[in-house]
Amino acid sequence: MNEETIIGYHTTKIKNVESILKYGFIESKANKGHWLGKGIYLFENIYYAMEWGILGVVKHDVYDYDEIQKSCGILMVELDTENYKVIDFSEPQGYLIFEHLLQIIQHYYSEEKFNEILNKGYAYIIKVIEDLERQNNEQYISRYDVICAVYPKYITKTKTKLPGDFITCIQKQICIKNQKAIKNIIELEHNNVTKEVFNLIIYNRGDKND
């Protein structure tokens, strides 16, 4: 990572905003959708942060922007990548480190169990690494303050494959392992820009008559 600052977006219940601005975030456990283990999750693109407002905060399809305004707060978070360790698993150096993590797992498990872990996917691999950290009192993945990864993301309800060479609709997740890497947290006002993003999300997901 060459940037001195990374900017990410976080959507939460509007009642949580004041507390986060005053006291900071509460770390999420490694639940479904938290593909990079425990930590504080941001999206690089505000589009996906606002989509999470629909899917993860209000938890039902929303067609009226007023409901998002009343339910969701949007936070812009600046991260200090100059003084804290950041790794991006989607980059060549980051994937080399990920392969090292796989070697650690392979050391502690039988070949059969290791292959079983691999078949469960990368999110499960991160969980196993964090379990090994606790068991061995070691730092494997938590030696990094911020972890990033890119995932394919369907923006429509129906999975489609478009012709051509473009890599379309990727989602970068940012997982903060160390809150000290946060330089600044700013609450974004709902405005015409966020409304346009919301309308694009609704267009992509389809409306009530689809």
N, C-alpha and C. Protein backbone atom coordinates (compact mmCIF):
# COMPACT_ATOMS: atom_id res chain seq x y z
N MET A 1 0.84 -1.19 0.00
CA MET A 1 0.00 0.00 0.00
C MET A 1 0.88 1.25 0.00
N ASN A 2 0.73 2.12 -1.00
CA ASN A 2 1.56 3.29 -1.11
C ASN A 2 0.91 4.56 -0.58
N GLU A 3 -0.41 4.56 -0.44
CA GLU A 3 -1.09 5.77 0.00
C GLU A 3 -0.78 6.02 1.48
N GLU A 4 -0.69 7.30 1.86
CA GLU A 4 -0.49 7.64 3.26
C GLU A 4 -1.81 7.55 4.02
N THR A 5 -2.92 7.68 3.30
CA THR A 5 -4.24 7.62 3.92
C THR A 5 -5.17 6.76 3.07
N ILE A 6 -5.92 5.89 3.74
CA ILE A 6 -7.00 5.16 3.08
C ILE A 6 -8.30 5.73 3.61
N ILE A 7 -9.27 5.90 2.73
CA ILE A 7 -10.60 6.36 3.14
C ILE A 7 -11.59 5.22 2.92
N GLY A 8 -12.38 4.94 3.94
CA GLY A 8 -13.42 3.92 3.84
C GLY A 8 -14.72 4.44 4.41
N TYR A 9 -15.80 3.72 4.13
CA TYR A 9 -17.14 4.17 4.54
C TYR A 9 -17.81 3.08 5.37
N HIS A 10 -18.54 3.53 6.38
CA HIS A 10 -19.21 2.62 7.31
C HIS A 10 -20.64 3.12 7.53
N THR A 11 -21.59 2.22 7.35
CA THR A 11 -22.99 2.57 7.61
C THR A 11 -23.46 1.84 8.86
N THR A 12 -24.18 2.54 9.72
CA THR A 12 -24.64 1.96 10.97
C THR A 12 -26.00 2.55 11.33
N LYS A 13 -26.61 1.99 12.37
CA LYS A 13 -27.86 2.57 12.86
C LYS A 13 -27.59 4.00 13.31
N ILE A 14 -28.52 4.88 13.01
CA ILE A 14 -28.28 6.30 13.25
C ILE A 14 -28.08 6.59 14.74
N LYS A 15 -28.63 5.74 15.60
CA LYS A 15 -28.47 5.95 17.04
C LYS A 15 -27.04 5.64 17.50
N ASN A 16 -26.25 4.93 16.67
CA ASN A 16 -24.88 4.58 17.04
C ASN A 16 -23.87 5.66 16.69
N VAL A 17 -24.26 6.61 15.84
CA VAL A 17 -23.30 7.55 15.28
C VAL A 17 -22.64 8.41 16.36
N GLU A 18 -23.43 8.98 17.25
CA GLU A 18 -22.89 9.87 18.28
C GLU A 18 -21.86 9.15 19.15
N SER A 19 -22.19 7.90 19.52
CA SER A 19 -21.29 7.12 20.37
C SER A 19 -19.98 6.81 19.65
N ILE A 20 -20.06 6.47 18.36
CA ILE A 20 -18.85 6.16 17.59
C ILE A 20 -17.96 7.39 17.47
N LEU A 21 -18.57 8.54 17.19
CA LEU A 21 -17.80 9.77 17.06
C LEU A 21 -17.11 10.14 18.38
N LYS A 22 -17.74 9.80 19.49
CA LYS A 22 -17.21 10.19 20.80
C LYS A 22 -16.23 9.16 21.36
N TYR A 23 -16.59 7.86 21.21
CA TYR A 23 -15.81 6.82 21.88
C TYR A 23 -15.11 5.85 20.92
N GLY A 24 -15.44 5.90 19.65
CA GLY A 24 -14.86 4.96 18.69
C GLY A 24 -15.78 3.79 18.42
N PHE A 25 -15.32 2.90 17.56
CA PHE A 25 -16.12 1.75 17.14
C PHE A 25 -16.05 0.62 18.16
N ILE A 26 -17.06 -0.23 18.11
CA ILE A 26 -17.02 -1.51 18.81
C ILE A 26 -16.64 -2.57 17.78
N GLU A 27 -15.63 -3.35 18.09
CA GLU A 27 -15.13 -4.36 17.15
C GLU A 27 -16.17 -5.44 16.90
N SER A 28 -16.35 -5.79 15.64
CA SER A 28 -17.27 -6.86 15.28
C SER A 28 -16.58 -8.21 15.42
N LYS A 29 -17.36 -9.21 15.81
CA LYS A 29 -16.84 -10.57 15.81
C LYS A 29 -16.87 -11.09 14.38
N ALA A 30 -16.21 -12.22 14.17
CA ALA A 30 -16.12 -12.78 12.81
C ALA A 30 -17.41 -13.51 12.48
N ASN A 31 -18.44 -12.76 12.13
CA ASN A 31 -19.73 -13.33 11.77
C ASN A 31 -19.83 -13.46 10.25
N LYS A 32 -20.96 -13.98 9.80
CA LYS A 32 -21.19 -14.09 8.37
C LYS A 32 -21.11 -12.71 7.73
N GLY A 33 -20.37 -12.62 6.64
CA GLY A 33 -20.18 -11.34 5.97
C GLY A 33 -18.93 -10.62 6.41
N HIS A 34 -18.38 -11.04 7.56
CA HIS A 34 -17.12 -10.47 8.03
C HIS A 34 -16.01 -11.41 7.57
N TRP A 35 -15.59 -11.22 6.36
CA TRP A 35 -14.72 -12.21 5.70
C TRP A 35 -13.27 -12.12 6.14
N LEU A 36 -12.92 -11.06 6.83
CA LEU A 36 -11.53 -10.87 7.23
C LEU A 36 -11.34 -10.99 8.73
N GLY A 37 -12.26 -11.70 9.38
CA GLY A 37 -12.14 -11.95 10.81
C GLY A 37 -12.70 -10.82 11.66
N LYS A 38 -12.33 -10.83 12.92
CA LYS A 38 -12.83 -9.81 13.83
C LYS A 38 -12.21 -8.46 13.50
N GLY A 39 -12.96 -7.40 13.75
CA GLY A 39 -12.44 -6.07 13.47
C GLY A 39 -13.55 -5.09 13.18
N ILE A 40 -13.18 -3.94 12.66
CA ILE A 40 -14.12 -2.88 12.28
C ILE A 40 -14.13 -2.83 10.76
N TYR A 41 -15.31 -2.92 10.17
CA TYR A 41 -15.39 -3.09 8.71
C TYR A 41 -15.80 -1.80 8.02
N LEU A 42 -15.06 -1.51 6.95
CA LEU A 42 -15.36 -0.40 6.06
C LEU A 42 -15.45 -0.92 4.64
N PHE A 43 -16.11 -0.13 3.79
CA PHE A 43 -16.09 -0.38 2.35
C PHE A 43 -15.33 0.75 1.69
N GLU A 44 -14.52 0.42 0.69
CA GLU A 44 -13.78 1.45 -0.03
C GLU A 44 -14.72 2.36 -0.81
N ASN A 45 -15.84 1.80 -1.28
CA ASN A 45 -16.79 2.54 -2.11
C ASN A 45 -18.06 2.82 -1.31
N ILE A 46 -18.49 4.07 -1.33
CA ILE A 46 -19.69 4.43 -0.56
C ILE A 46 -20.92 3.68 -1.05
N TYR A 47 -20.91 3.26 -2.32
CA TYR A 47 -22.03 2.49 -2.87
C TYR A 47 -22.30 1.26 -2.01
N TYR A 48 -21.25 0.50 -1.73
CA TYR A 48 -21.44 -0.75 -0.98
C TYR A 48 -21.76 -0.48 0.48
N ALA A 49 -21.24 0.64 1.01
CA ALA A 49 -21.58 1.01 2.38
C ALA A 49 -23.07 1.31 2.50
N MET A 50 -23.61 2.03 1.51
CA MET A 50 -25.03 2.35 1.55
C MET A 50 -25.88 1.12 1.26
N GLU A 51 -25.40 0.24 0.39
CA GLU A 51 -26.13 -1.00 0.15
C GLU A 51 -26.19 -1.82 1.44
N TRP A 52 -25.09 -1.80 2.22
CA TRP A 52 -25.10 -2.49 3.51
C TRP A 52 -26.14 -1.86 4.44
N GLY A 53 -26.36 -0.55 4.29
CA GLY A 53 -27.41 0.08 5.07
C GLY A 53 -28.76 -0.56 4.84
N ILE A 54 -29.00 -0.96 3.59
CA ILE A 54 -30.27 -1.63 3.25
C ILE A 54 -30.26 -3.07 3.74
N LEU A 55 -29.18 -3.80 3.45
CA LEU A 55 -29.13 -5.23 3.73
C LEU A 55 -28.82 -5.55 5.19
N GLY A 56 -27.96 -4.75 5.81
CA GLY A 56 -27.50 -5.10 7.14
C GLY A 56 -28.03 -4.25 8.27
N VAL A 57 -28.53 -3.05 7.96
CA VAL A 57 -29.02 -2.16 9.01
C VAL A 57 -30.54 -2.21 9.08
N VAL A 58 -31.22 -1.79 8.01
CA VAL A 58 -32.68 -1.86 8.02
C VAL A 58 -33.16 -3.28 7.71
N LYS A 59 -32.34 -4.06 7.00
CA LYS A 59 -32.56 -5.50 6.78
C LYS A 59 -33.81 -5.82 5.99
N HIS A 60 -34.19 -4.93 5.11
CA HIS A 60 -35.24 -5.25 4.14
C HIS A 60 -35.11 -4.27 2.99
N ASP A 61 -35.66 -4.62 1.85
CA ASP A 61 -35.56 -3.73 0.70
C ASP A 61 -36.22 -2.39 1.00
N VAL A 62 -35.53 -1.34 0.66
CA VAL A 62 -36.00 0.02 0.91
C VAL A 62 -36.16 0.71 -0.43
N TYR A 63 -37.30 1.37 -0.63
CA TYR A 63 -37.54 2.07 -1.89
C TYR A 63 -37.73 3.57 -1.68
N ASP A 64 -37.75 3.98 -0.42
CA ASP A 64 -37.95 5.38 -0.07
C ASP A 64 -36.69 5.90 0.63
N TYR A 65 -36.03 6.88 0.03
CA TYR A 65 -34.77 7.38 0.60
C TYR A 65 -34.96 7.95 2.00
N ASP A 66 -36.15 8.45 2.29
CA ASP A 66 -36.41 9.00 3.63
C ASP A 66 -36.19 7.95 4.71
N GLU A 67 -36.47 6.68 4.39
CA GLU A 67 -36.28 5.62 5.39
C GLU A 67 -34.80 5.43 5.70
N ILE A 68 -33.96 5.53 4.66
CA ILE A 68 -32.51 5.43 4.88
C ILE A 68 -32.03 6.61 5.72
N GLN A 69 -32.52 7.79 5.42
CA GLN A 69 -32.12 8.97 6.18
C GLN A 69 -32.46 8.83 7.66
N LYS A 70 -33.63 8.27 7.93
CA LYS A 70 -34.09 8.13 9.32
C LYS A 70 -33.39 6.98 10.05
N SER A 71 -32.94 5.97 9.30
CA SER A 71 -32.42 4.75 9.91
C SER A 71 -30.90 4.67 9.96
N CYS A 72 -30.21 5.23 8.96
CA CYS A 72 -28.79 4.97 8.77
C CYS A 72 -27.93 6.22 8.86
N GLY A 73 -26.85 6.11 9.57
CA GLY A 73 -25.81 7.13 9.54
C GLY A 73 -24.66 6.62 8.70
N ILE A 74 -24.03 7.51 7.95
CA ILE A 74 -22.90 7.14 7.09
C ILE A 74 -21.65 7.84 7.60
N LEU A 75 -20.62 7.06 7.89
CA LEU A 75 -19.38 7.60 8.42
C LEU A 75 -18.26 7.43 7.41
N MET A 76 -17.47 8.45 7.24
CA MET A 76 -16.26 8.38 6.43
C MET A 76 -15.08 8.28 7.38
N VAL A 77 -14.24 7.27 7.18
CA VAL A 77 -13.14 6.99 8.10
C VAL A 77 -11.81 7.13 7.37
N GLU A 78 -10.91 7.93 7.92
CA GLU A 78 -9.57 8.09 7.36
C GLU A 78 -8.60 7.24 8.17
N LEU A 79 -7.80 6.43 7.46
CA LEU A 79 -6.85 5.53 8.12
C LEU A 79 -5.42 5.97 7.83
N ASP A 80 -4.58 5.90 8.83
CA ASP A 80 -3.17 6.27 8.71
C ASP A 80 -2.38 5.04 8.26
N THR A 81 -2.00 5.02 7.00
CA THR A 81 -1.24 3.88 6.48
C THR A 81 0.26 4.16 6.46
N GLU A 82 0.63 5.37 6.86
CA GLU A 82 2.06 5.71 6.91
C GLU A 82 2.70 5.16 8.17
N ASN A 83 1.96 5.18 9.26
CA ASN A 83 2.52 4.80 10.56
C ASN A 83 2.00 3.46 11.07
N TYR A 84 1.08 2.84 10.32
CA TYR A 84 0.51 1.56 10.73
C TYR A 84 0.59 0.57 9.58
N LYS A 85 0.63 -0.70 9.94
CA LYS A 85 0.82 -1.75 8.94
C LYS A 85 -0.49 -2.09 8.26
N VAL A 86 -0.48 -2.01 6.94
CA VAL A 86 -1.65 -2.33 6.14
C VAL A 86 -1.27 -3.41 5.13
N ILE A 87 -2.12 -4.42 5.00
CA ILE A 87 -1.88 -5.46 4.01
C ILE A 87 -3.14 -5.66 3.18
N ASP A 88 -2.96 -5.79 1.89
CA ASP A 88 -4.08 -6.00 0.97
C ASP A 88 -3.88 -7.36 0.31
N PHE A 89 -4.74 -8.30 0.64
CA PHE A 89 -4.59 -9.66 0.13
C PHE A 89 -4.82 -9.76 -1.38
N SER A 90 -5.39 -8.71 -1.98
CA SER A 90 -5.63 -8.74 -3.42
C SER A 90 -4.40 -8.29 -4.22
N GLU A 91 -3.38 -7.81 -3.51
CA GLU A 91 -2.15 -7.39 -4.17
C GLU A 91 -1.10 -8.50 -4.08
N PRO A 92 -0.11 -8.52 -4.99
CA PRO A 92 0.87 -9.61 -5.01
C PRO A 92 1.58 -9.83 -3.67
N GLN A 93 2.05 -8.76 -3.04
CA GLN A 93 2.73 -8.90 -1.76
C GLN A 93 1.79 -9.46 -0.69
N GLY A 94 0.54 -8.97 -0.72
CA GLY A 94 -0.44 -9.43 0.25
C GLY A 94 -0.77 -10.90 0.09
N TYR A 95 -0.87 -11.34 -1.16
CA TYR A 95 -1.19 -12.75 -1.38
C TYR A 95 -0.02 -13.65 -0.95
N LEU A 96 1.20 -13.16 -1.07
CA LEU A 96 2.36 -13.91 -0.59
C LEU A 96 2.26 -14.12 0.92
N ILE A 97 1.82 -13.10 1.63
CA ILE A 97 1.62 -13.21 3.07
C ILE A 97 0.48 -14.18 3.38
N PHE A 98 -0.58 -14.14 2.57
CA PHE A 98 -1.68 -15.07 2.76
C PHE A 98 -1.21 -16.51 2.60
N GLU A 99 -0.34 -16.75 1.63
CA GLU A 99 0.22 -18.09 1.44
C GLU A 99 1.03 -18.52 2.66
N HIS A 100 1.72 -17.57 3.29
CA HIS A 100 2.46 -17.88 4.52
C HIS A 100 1.48 -18.29 5.63
N LEU A 101 0.34 -17.62 5.69
CA LEU A 101 -0.67 -17.99 6.69
C LEU A 101 -1.17 -19.42 6.45
N LEU A 102 -1.31 -19.78 5.19
CA LEU A 102 -1.71 -21.15 4.86
C LEU A 102 -0.67 -22.15 5.34
N GLN A 103 0.59 -21.80 5.22
CA GLN A 103 1.65 -22.69 5.68
C GLN A 103 1.60 -22.89 7.19
N ILE A 104 1.23 -21.84 7.91
CA ILE A 104 1.08 -21.95 9.37
C ILE A 104 -0.02 -22.94 9.70
N ILE A 105 -1.15 -22.81 9.01
CA ILE A 105 -2.26 -23.76 9.25
C ILE A 105 -1.82 -25.17 8.93
N GLN A 106 -1.14 -25.33 7.81
CA GLN A 106 -0.69 -26.65 7.37
C GLN A 106 0.23 -27.30 8.41
N HIS A 107 1.00 -26.48 9.11
CA HIS A 107 1.91 -27.00 10.13
C HIS A 107 1.16 -27.61 11.31
N TYR A 108 -0.02 -27.07 11.62
CA TYR A 108 -0.73 -27.49 12.83
C TYR A 108 -1.83 -28.53 12.58
N TYR A 109 -2.14 -28.78 11.32
CA TYR A 109 -3.24 -29.70 11.02
C TYR A 109 -2.77 -30.81 10.08
N SER A 110 -3.49 -31.92 10.15
CA SER A 110 -3.21 -33.02 9.23
C SER A 110 -3.55 -32.60 7.81
N GLU A 111 -3.05 -33.34 6.84
CA GLU A 111 -3.34 -33.01 5.43
C GLU A 111 -4.83 -33.06 5.15
N GLU A 112 -5.50 -34.05 5.73
CA GLU A 112 -6.95 -34.18 5.51
C GLU A 112 -7.70 -32.98 6.08
N LYS A 113 -7.33 -32.59 7.31
CA LYS A 113 -8.00 -31.45 7.94
C LYS A 113 -7.65 -30.15 7.22
N PHE A 114 -6.41 -30.02 6.79
CA PHE A 114 -5.98 -28.82 6.06
C PHE A 114 -6.79 -28.65 4.78
N ASN A 115 -6.97 -29.74 4.03
CA ASN A 115 -7.76 -29.67 2.79
C ASN A 115 -9.22 -29.34 3.09
N GLU A 116 -9.71 -29.83 4.21
CA GLU A 116 -11.09 -29.51 4.62
C GLU A 116 -11.23 -28.02 4.91
N ILE A 117 -10.21 -27.43 5.56
CA ILE A 117 -10.21 -26.00 5.85
C ILE A 117 -10.18 -25.19 4.55
N LEU A 118 -9.32 -25.61 3.61
CA LEU A 118 -9.23 -24.92 2.33
C LEU A 118 -10.56 -24.91 1.60
N ASN A 119 -11.27 -26.03 1.65
CA ASN A 119 -12.54 -26.16 0.93
C ASN A 119 -13.64 -25.28 1.52
N LYS A 120 -13.45 -24.81 2.74
CA LYS A 120 -14.47 -23.96 3.37
C LYS A 120 -14.29 -22.49 3.01
N GLY A 121 -13.21 -22.16 2.30
CA GLY A 121 -13.06 -20.80 1.80
C GLY A 121 -12.19 -19.91 2.65
N TYR A 122 -11.86 -18.75 2.08
CA TYR A 122 -10.90 -17.85 2.70
C TYR A 122 -11.39 -17.27 4.03
N ALA A 123 -12.68 -17.00 4.13
CA ALA A 123 -13.20 -16.45 5.39
C ALA A 123 -12.97 -17.43 6.54
N TYR A 124 -13.19 -18.70 6.27
CA TYR A 124 -12.98 -19.72 7.30
C TYR A 124 -11.49 -19.84 7.63
N ILE A 125 -10.64 -19.69 6.62
CA ILE A 125 -9.19 -19.74 6.83
C ILE A 125 -8.76 -18.65 7.81
N ILE A 126 -9.30 -17.44 7.65
CA ILE A 126 -8.97 -16.34 8.56
C ILE A 126 -9.42 -16.69 9.98
N LYS A 127 -10.59 -17.29 10.11
CA LYS A 127 -11.08 -17.70 11.42
C LYS A 127 -10.12 -18.70 12.07
N VAL A 128 -9.65 -19.67 11.28
CA VAL A 128 -8.72 -20.68 11.81
C VAL A 128 -7.43 -20.02 12.27
N ILE A 129 -6.91 -19.08 11.48
CA ILE A 129 -5.69 -18.36 11.85
C ILE A 129 -5.88 -17.62 13.18
N GLU A 130 -7.04 -16.97 13.35
CA GLU A 130 -7.29 -16.25 14.60
C GLU A 130 -7.42 -17.21 15.77
N ASP A 131 -8.00 -18.38 15.53
CA ASP A 131 -8.07 -19.41 16.59
C ASP A 131 -6.66 -19.87 16.98
N LEU A 132 -5.79 -20.05 15.99
CA LEU A 132 -4.41 -20.47 16.27
C LEU A 132 -3.65 -19.39 17.04
N GLU A 133 -3.94 -18.13 16.73
CA GLU A 133 -3.31 -17.04 17.48
C GLU A 133 -3.63 -17.14 18.97
N ARG A 134 -4.90 -17.38 19.27
CA ARG A 134 -5.31 -17.48 20.67
C ARG A 134 -4.69 -18.70 21.34
N GLN A 135 -4.68 -19.82 20.62
CA GLN A 135 -4.14 -21.05 21.19
C GLN A 135 -2.65 -20.96 21.46
N ASN A 136 -1.92 -20.32 20.55
CA ASN A 136 -0.46 -20.28 20.63
C ASN A 136 0.09 -18.99 21.22
N ASN A 137 -0.82 -18.06 21.53
CA ASN A 137 -0.42 -16.75 22.03
C ASN A 137 0.60 -16.10 21.09
N GLU A 138 0.29 -16.14 19.80
CA GLU A 138 1.15 -15.60 18.77
C GLU A 138 0.37 -14.59 17.93
N GLN A 139 1.09 -13.78 17.19
CA GLN A 139 0.47 -12.86 16.24
C GLN A 139 0.81 -13.32 14.83
N TYR A 140 -0.19 -13.73 14.10
CA TYR A 140 0.00 -14.11 12.70
C TYR A 140 -0.63 -13.05 11.80
N ILE A 141 -1.95 -12.93 11.92
CA ILE A 141 -2.65 -11.93 11.11
C ILE A 141 -2.82 -10.62 11.87
N SER A 142 -2.86 -10.69 13.19
CA SER A 142 -3.11 -9.48 13.98
C SER A 142 -1.87 -8.60 14.11
N ARG A 143 -0.75 -9.01 13.52
CA ARG A 143 0.41 -8.11 13.50
C ARG A 143 0.18 -6.95 12.53
N TYR A 144 -0.88 -7.09 11.71
CA TYR A 144 -1.24 -6.02 10.78
C TYR A 144 -2.38 -5.21 11.39
N ASP A 145 -2.31 -3.90 11.23
CA ASP A 145 -3.30 -3.00 11.82
C ASP A 145 -4.56 -2.90 10.97
N VAL A 146 -4.39 -3.04 9.66
CA VAL A 146 -5.51 -2.95 8.71
C VAL A 146 -5.32 -4.02 7.65
N ILE A 147 -6.40 -4.74 7.35
CA ILE A 147 -6.36 -5.76 6.31
C ILE A 147 -7.42 -5.44 5.26
N CYS A 148 -7.05 -5.57 3.99
CA CYS A 148 -7.98 -5.30 2.89
C CYS A 148 -8.04 -6.53 1.98
N ALA A 149 -9.16 -6.66 1.30
CA ALA A 149 -9.30 -7.70 0.28
C ALA A 149 -10.41 -7.29 -0.67
N VAL A 150 -10.32 -7.78 -1.90
CA VAL A 150 -11.31 -7.47 -2.94
C VAL A 150 -12.11 -8.73 -3.24
N TYR A 151 -13.42 -8.55 -3.39
CA TYR A 151 -14.31 -9.67 -3.66
C TYR A 151 -15.21 -9.34 -4.85
N PRO A 152 -15.60 -10.35 -5.62
CA PRO A 152 -16.62 -10.11 -6.66
C PRO A 152 -17.94 -9.82 -5.98
N LYS A 153 -18.71 -8.90 -6.49
CA LYS A 153 -19.97 -8.52 -5.84
C LYS A 153 -21.05 -8.30 -6.90
N TYR A 154 -22.08 -9.12 -6.86
CA TYR A 154 -23.20 -8.92 -7.77
C TYR A 154 -24.03 -7.75 -7.26
N ILE A 155 -24.28 -6.78 -8.13
CA ILE A 155 -25.05 -5.61 -7.71
C ILE A 155 -26.53 -5.78 -8.02
N THR A 156 -26.87 -6.86 -8.72
CA THR A 156 -28.27 -7.17 -9.00
C THR A 156 -28.68 -8.38 -8.18
N LYS A 157 -29.97 -8.56 -8.00
CA LYS A 157 -30.46 -9.72 -7.25
C LYS A 157 -30.20 -11.01 -8.01
N THR A 158 -30.20 -10.92 -9.33
CA THR A 158 -29.95 -12.09 -10.17
C THR A 158 -28.51 -12.06 -10.65
N LYS A 159 -27.80 -13.18 -10.46
CA LYS A 159 -26.42 -13.25 -10.90
C LYS A 159 -26.36 -13.29 -12.42
N THR A 160 -25.57 -12.40 -12.99
CA THR A 160 -25.44 -12.34 -14.44
C THR A 160 -23.98 -12.33 -14.82
N LYS A 161 -23.68 -12.83 -15.99
CA LYS A 161 -22.31 -12.81 -16.49
C LYS A 161 -22.29 -11.98 -17.76
N LEU A 162 -21.54 -10.90 -17.72
CA LEU A 162 -21.49 -10.00 -18.86
C LEU A 162 -20.34 -10.40 -19.79
N PRO A 163 -20.52 -10.23 -21.09
CA PRO A 163 -19.43 -10.52 -22.01
C PRO A 163 -18.35 -9.44 -21.91
N GLY A 164 -17.14 -9.78 -22.33
CA GLY A 164 -16.08 -8.78 -22.35
C GLY A 164 -15.02 -9.05 -21.30
N ASP A 165 -14.02 -8.17 -21.27
CA ASP A 165 -12.86 -8.37 -20.42
C ASP A 165 -12.86 -7.53 -19.15
N PHE A 166 -13.84 -6.66 -18.99
CA PHE A 166 -13.87 -5.85 -17.78
C PHE A 166 -14.10 -6.73 -16.55
N ILE A 167 -13.40 -6.42 -15.47
CA ILE A 167 -13.72 -7.03 -14.18
C ILE A 167 -14.74 -6.12 -13.52
N THR A 168 -15.97 -6.55 -13.50
CA THR A 168 -17.06 -5.67 -13.06
C THR A 168 -17.45 -5.93 -11.61
N CYS A 169 -17.88 -4.87 -10.96
CA CYS A 169 -18.54 -4.96 -9.65
C CYS A 169 -17.71 -5.72 -8.63
N ILE A 170 -16.53 -5.16 -8.32
CA ILE A 170 -15.74 -5.72 -7.24
C ILE A 170 -15.94 -4.86 -6.00
N GLN A 171 -15.81 -5.50 -4.85
CA GLN A 171 -16.04 -4.82 -3.58
C GLN A 171 -14.79 -4.97 -2.72
N LYS A 172 -14.22 -3.85 -2.32
CA LYS A 172 -13.07 -3.93 -1.41
C LYS A 172 -13.56 -3.73 0.02
N GLN A 173 -13.29 -4.73 0.85
CA GLN A 173 -13.57 -4.61 2.27
C GLN A 173 -12.29 -4.24 3.00
N ILE A 174 -12.43 -3.40 3.99
CA ILE A 174 -11.32 -2.95 4.82
C ILE A 174 -11.64 -3.34 6.26
N CYS A 175 -10.77 -4.11 6.87
CA CYS A 175 -10.98 -4.56 8.25
C CYS A 175 -9.92 -3.94 9.15
N ILE A 176 -10.34 -3.11 10.08
CA ILE A 176 -9.42 -2.46 11.00
C ILE A 176 -9.21 -3.37 12.21
N LYS A 177 -7.98 -3.80 12.39
CA LYS A 177 -7.65 -4.64 13.54
C LYS A 177 -7.18 -3.79 14.73
N ASN A 178 -6.65 -2.62 14.45
CA ASN A 178 -6.12 -1.74 15.48
C ASN A 178 -6.74 -0.36 15.30
N GLN A 179 -7.58 0.05 16.25
CA GLN A 179 -8.28 1.33 16.11
C GLN A 179 -7.34 2.54 16.12
N LYS A 180 -6.11 2.35 16.60
CA LYS A 180 -5.16 3.45 16.60
C LYS A 180 -4.82 3.90 15.18
N ALA A 181 -5.09 3.05 14.20
CA ALA A 181 -4.82 3.40 12.80
C ALA A 181 -5.84 4.40 12.26
N ILE A 182 -6.89 4.65 13.01
CA ILE A 182 -7.92 5.61 12.57
C ILE A 182 -7.45 7.03 12.83
N LYS A 183 -7.36 7.83 11.77
CA LYS A 183 -6.96 9.23 11.90
C LYS A 183 -8.15 10.13 12.21
N ASN A 184 -9.28 9.80 11.57
CA ASN A 184 -10.42 10.70 11.68
C ASN A 184 -11.70 9.96 11.32
N ILE A 185 -12.80 10.33 11.96
CA ILE A 185 -14.12 9.80 11.63
C ILE A 185 -15.05 10.99 11.40
N ILE A 186 -15.68 11.03 10.25
CA ILE A 186 -16.54 12.15 9.89
C ILE A 186 -17.93 11.62 9.54
N GLU A 187 -18.95 12.21 10.13
CA GLU A 187 -20.32 11.85 9.75
C GLU A 187 -20.68 12.56 8.46
N LEU A 188 -21.14 11.82 7.48
CA LEU A 188 -21.55 12.42 6.21
C LEU A 188 -23.02 12.80 6.28
N GLU A 189 -23.32 13.96 5.78
CA GLU A 189 -24.71 14.39 5.71
C GLU A 189 -25.39 13.70 4.53
N HIS A 190 -26.64 13.34 4.73
CA HIS A 190 -27.43 12.86 3.59
C HIS A 190 -27.70 14.05 2.68
N ASN A 191 -27.38 13.88 1.41
CA ASN A 191 -27.53 14.99 0.46
C ASN A 191 -27.87 14.44 -0.91
N ASN A 192 -27.78 15.28 -1.92
CA ASN A 192 -28.13 14.85 -3.28
C ASN A 192 -27.20 13.74 -3.78
N VAL A 193 -25.93 13.78 -3.36
CA VAL A 193 -24.98 12.75 -3.80
C VAL A 193 -25.35 11.40 -3.22
N THR A 194 -25.60 11.34 -1.91
CA THR A 194 -25.97 10.06 -1.29
C THR A 194 -27.33 9.58 -1.81
N LYS A 195 -28.20 10.51 -2.13
CA LYS A 195 -29.49 10.11 -2.69
C LYS A 195 -29.31 9.50 -4.08
N GLU A 196 -28.40 10.06 -4.89
CA GLU A 196 -28.12 9.51 -6.21
C GLU A 196 -27.53 8.10 -6.09
N VAL A 197 -26.65 7.90 -5.11
CA VAL A 197 -26.08 6.56 -4.88
C VAL A 197 -27.20 5.59 -4.50
N PHE A 198 -28.07 6.03 -3.61
CA PHE A 198 -29.21 5.19 -3.20
C PHE A 198 -30.07 4.83 -4.41
N ASN A 199 -30.37 5.79 -5.26
CA ASN A 199 -31.21 5.52 -6.43
C ASN A 199 -30.53 4.52 -7.38
N LEU A 200 -29.20 4.59 -7.49
CA LEU A 200 -28.48 3.64 -8.33
C LEU A 200 -28.57 2.23 -7.74
N ILE A 201 -28.46 2.13 -6.42
CA ILE A 201 -28.58 0.83 -5.75
C ILE A 201 -29.96 0.24 -6.02
N ILE A 202 -30.99 1.05 -5.88
CA ILE A 202 -32.36 0.58 -6.10
C ILE A 202 -32.55 0.16 -7.56
N TYR A 203 -31.99 0.94 -8.47
CA TYR A 203 -32.09 0.59 -9.89
C TYR A 203 -31.44 -0.77 -10.15
N ASN A 204 -30.26 -0.98 -9.58
CA ASN A 204 -29.54 -2.24 -9.81
C ASN A 204 -30.24 -3.42 -9.16
N ARG A 205 -30.80 -3.21 -7.99
CA ARG A 205 -31.45 -4.32 -7.27
C ARG A 205 -32.85 -4.61 -7.77
N GLY A 206 -33.44 -3.68 -8.51
CA GLY A 206 -34.79 -3.88 -9.03
C GLY A 206 -35.82 -3.30 -8.11
N ASP A 207 -36.97 -2.92 -8.68
CA ASP A 207 -37.99 -2.29 -7.85
C ASP A 207 -39.12 -3.28 -7.51
N LYS A 208 -40.15 -2.79 -6.87
CA LYS A 208 -41.23 -3.64 -6.38
C LYS A 208 -41.94 -4.41 -7.49
N ASN A 209 -41.90 -3.88 -8.68
CA ASN A 209 -42.65 -4.49 -9.78
C ASN A 209 -41.86 -5.53 -10.57
N ASP A 210 -40.58 -5.74 -10.18
CA ASP A 210 -39.77 -6.74 -10.90
C ASP A 210 -40.26 -8.15 -10.62
